[in-house]
Amino acid sequence: MGSSGGLYLGRSLLTSLRPVFRAISRVTDEAPHAGGRVVVLRGRPGSGKSALLRALQVEMPERAQLVVGAGWTQDVPYAALRQLPHATVHSSAEAATDSPARRLALAESLTAQHRNWESAPPVILLDDPHLMDAPSLQVLTQLAHQMRTTSTVLVIAASSEVHAGVDPDFSRVMADPGTLQLQIPALVADDVVALARERGFHDINSQGVAAVLEHSGGRLRVAEEILAEVPQGAWPADPDTLPIPRSVVRDVLGPIRDSGSEDLWRLVATLAVLEESSDLTRIAEVAGVADLSEAVDLAVASGVVREARSAGLSLLELIHPAAQRIIIAEMKPSERRALHSRAATCVEHAEDQLIHRAAAAQGQDPDLACALQQAAVAAEYQGRWRDSARLHFAASGVLPRSAPRDAELLKGVDALASAGNVAQALPWLGVAKSIAPSPERDVVLANLALHRGKAAEAHDLLQRASAAEPADQEVHAQIALRRTLDALVRWDGEDLCDWADRAMQLSPPDSPTYIESRAMRGVGLAARGRLDEATATIRELAAENVSGAHSQRFHLCVGWVSLLAGNLREAVRALESAVPTQQLRGSLRISLWAQGWLARVQLLLGEWDDALRTADDGLRQCHEAGIELVTPLLHWTSAEVRLCRGQPTDEVLGGTRSRAFFSDYLAMQVPERCTRAISAYVRGDHEARAAALRPLLSEDPWTSGRGSFWPWHADLVDALIAADSLVEAQRAAADFRRYTSDASAHVRALAEAACARVAGAAGDAAAAEQHFARALDLVCDDQYPTDRARILLSRGQVLRRVNRRRDAMESLERAREFYQGVGAKVLVERCEQELRATGMSWGGATAGSAGEARDSTSGNAVVLTPQELSVANLVVQGMTNAEVARELFIAEKTVQYHLTRIYGKFRIRSRTELATVHFAEDSRPH
């Protein structure tokens, strides 16, 4: 592969564009058999459409024919068509003889050529069709109408903003129901990292990635411009210093300057100062303009501002994500201070008034600082961490350089981290580290490290803060709360309860520290296997009617404990209540944890589409906020759904980092290992699956005094059996069942299923059936359809192997029905493969039956079982035993067993001799 406008990095395609690229590749591969097709790529200018066309040209150099429109040739008939090497427009004189008849003759000639193409049918790529001459587009329109009778694919790059003037017949082709419409997606975080590394920035951090995505609007061209303007060297720590490309500045300021309206400038300057959408009355008051109606019309028409309605109010807001920063930078300092000063008298909330007063101040103001500090503490008590951060930072701005100012800065950073806005807090990291060492500083830095998933750094800082024994009881309480969080993500129930008790002893009962610690203590009891006590603790808290932003923490813990107790519907209600942050101005970190567990519960409930949507929304917010701690949990569910639906592994896992694989935080390590295990499972790589999960036997054991949050044990047992490690599987299954006797029905069902798999592998069909029966009884209600399908598939596999074909078929059909309903293509195929191997008819289809084969030398007829026939066919294709095992999802020893039986039936001794066997055509596996 070559370079294609930033689309390729090394030999890797940008993550966001892979699905689109693959979709077009599938159409071009199918065209020789299914007929040609028109494909339209839609996206904003700069989104990567042209780069994608050039990437297709690189991939298919003998087939791809690129036609690019140019404004200066728009009035020249057939200028675009002459770029096609096989078009019959040979000269300018011929092109000048334009007429409808001439266009029709050219279209017929072009179509005839494409119908009779003998090798490598062409792929025509049209870029900037709005700049192409009308005669060329009309000829191509006629070709498009006949596309299905050819093997040609026509790919058109289209931007809605610039296609109003395209030939109307060509526009109708692009909008035709038979045309494949593909949307160019916005860039994702992995794309930005890859683009930055291509330019030598290997130290780009999560807040830098989020800033590039925000400033570029997810557009490839703009992201490349941003990276091109960053000075060589270290990546800037503060996103506010990231250069905004001139093209983006023009996008924002161009329409404002072109309008020539002073009122329009006052309108957007006021919106930039207010920092959020506002109603017209308040904007006019702050701007100092009596009537802004004409300015609003200009702003909306030029695309600078949009009008939205909320709770009956008409609100205005800046459209471009970088608009606020660009406009503030364009303002004079005196103009900015004057707007803040007016805003302080116009805005409704007292906290906003204080913040605007601080922004308008021209020096130190101790009285204002004191008022801001008091407001910040009040916001903290209500759990409004984002508001608290703004107030603390504003207070630091009107204080002289001093220890009190440093304390306000640290409190602001800590509040941002507690709110979940880690990306916004990280630019302050250098400032925080420059402050003199103290327990207060260390506990703030630990909070940031914890949410970034840096377990060792967080633990060291917390140990040092604890050892310093600060005199301030409030600092002691903060240390205890952070250690509670640290124990939670390590899933250390005993430590969690101890530190939660300590934090509660040191805090007033109405404080955020007390309420959060008390709720987490309930989760700690659940981690110790004391589910009844955990449930009682949560109910006590519920009886006290926790309100405001604090209720978000309470609902998260209710959802957590309900999930552990197996009450999935209750867990959904609680977790959904913990997700929203806007109305109560709650914490994004709490919301993301809630989304991570909500996605898992939705998956268990069989609501796979909802689970995928929840997980993907959470992942996007994680990347923007810079919270790495929750990312593996969200990615686990997203990856599981996508992999089971047949999405390529490199597409699902390609951009993920593996640091979580070895993290001391089980909240990161376990989901990451489960994701890798699922990837190995769909590939049929049993050794890799076992290798991903085996370390958890020591890292995350289920014991009499400790329950795991993640019942991965059944997956490990299944992998060990498939990898021929039966003794290890027996031990793991026995321990899992022994220690989960008091667990939820869901976990006990998985333990019974694991024992059933072991019994089946050991040849004890009766014991296997008893375990499966108990497992299915435990998940017989509507709460666990996903695990019920999994157990049914496992039961079908075991029963088929002990020749209980009819019972196996019944289980496999039920599992297949569920997997079809959720779109799990890979698992549907696995069920169907097992059904074929039963040799019985199922679901209106006929399974593979025993087949007849003949030795080419003796002519003797031999009957093979369906599984023997499947193994034989794959072996004669040249597959190794390991490859056959992965293809059929059986162990290598099982493959060898079947081969031995096949050799015996034919009286042969090698794979080479097996190749001489002639299988009857109707005996081959379906």
Foldseek 3Di string as FASTA:
>chain_A
DDQQLLQAQPNDGALLCVVVLVVVVVQLVCLVPQFEAEAEEEDAPQQCLRSSLVVVCVVCVPAEQEFEFDQVCQAQACPRVVSDVPQPPDDSVLSVPDDPVSLVVSLVVVLVCQLPDDPRRHEYEYHPQLRHYQSNLVSVLSSNVCRRSGSYYYYYYDYPVRCPNHDVSSVCSCVPPRYHYHYRDFHALLSLCSLLVSVPANPQALLLSLLLCQLQVRRSRQSNQQSVPDDPDYDQQASLPRDRGPVSLCLQCVLVVVVVDPLLLLQLLLQLLLVDWDAPVLSCQLSVHDDCPVSVVSCVVSQQWDWDDDPRTIIIHGDRSCNSSSSVVVDDLQVSLSSLCSNLVRDDDPLSNLLSPLSNDPEADQVSLVVLQVVLQVCQLLQQLQSSLSSLQSSLSRHDPDPSSLLSLLSSLQSCLQLLLLSNSRSCVVVLVPPPDALSSLLSVLSSCVLLQNLVSNVVSLVVSVVVPDPDLVSVLSSLLSQLVSCVLLLPLVSNLVSLVVNLVSDDCSGLSVLLSQLSNLVSCVQQVNLVVSQVSLVVSVVVPDDALSLLSSLLSQLLSCVFQPVLVSNLVSLVVNQDCPPRSHGNVSNLSSLLVNLVQCVQLLNLVVSLVSLVVSLSVCSSSSRNLSNLSSLLSNLLLCVLLPNDPCSSCVSDDCPLCPRSRCSSNVSSLSSQLSNCVLQLNLVSNLVSCVVCCVSPNQAQRGHGSDLCLLSNLLSCLQAVNLVVLCVSLVRQCVRCVVTHLQSNLSSLLSNLLSCLSVVNNVSSVVSLVSSCVSVVDSSGPPVQLVSLQSNLQSCLVNLVLVSSQVSLLSSLVSCVVSSSVSSNVLSLLSNLQSQQDHPNRGHQAWFWKAQLPPRDIFTHRSVLLLLLVVLLVPDDLSRSCSVNSHHSVVSVVSVVVVCVRVVHDDSVSSNRMGTDPSNHGD
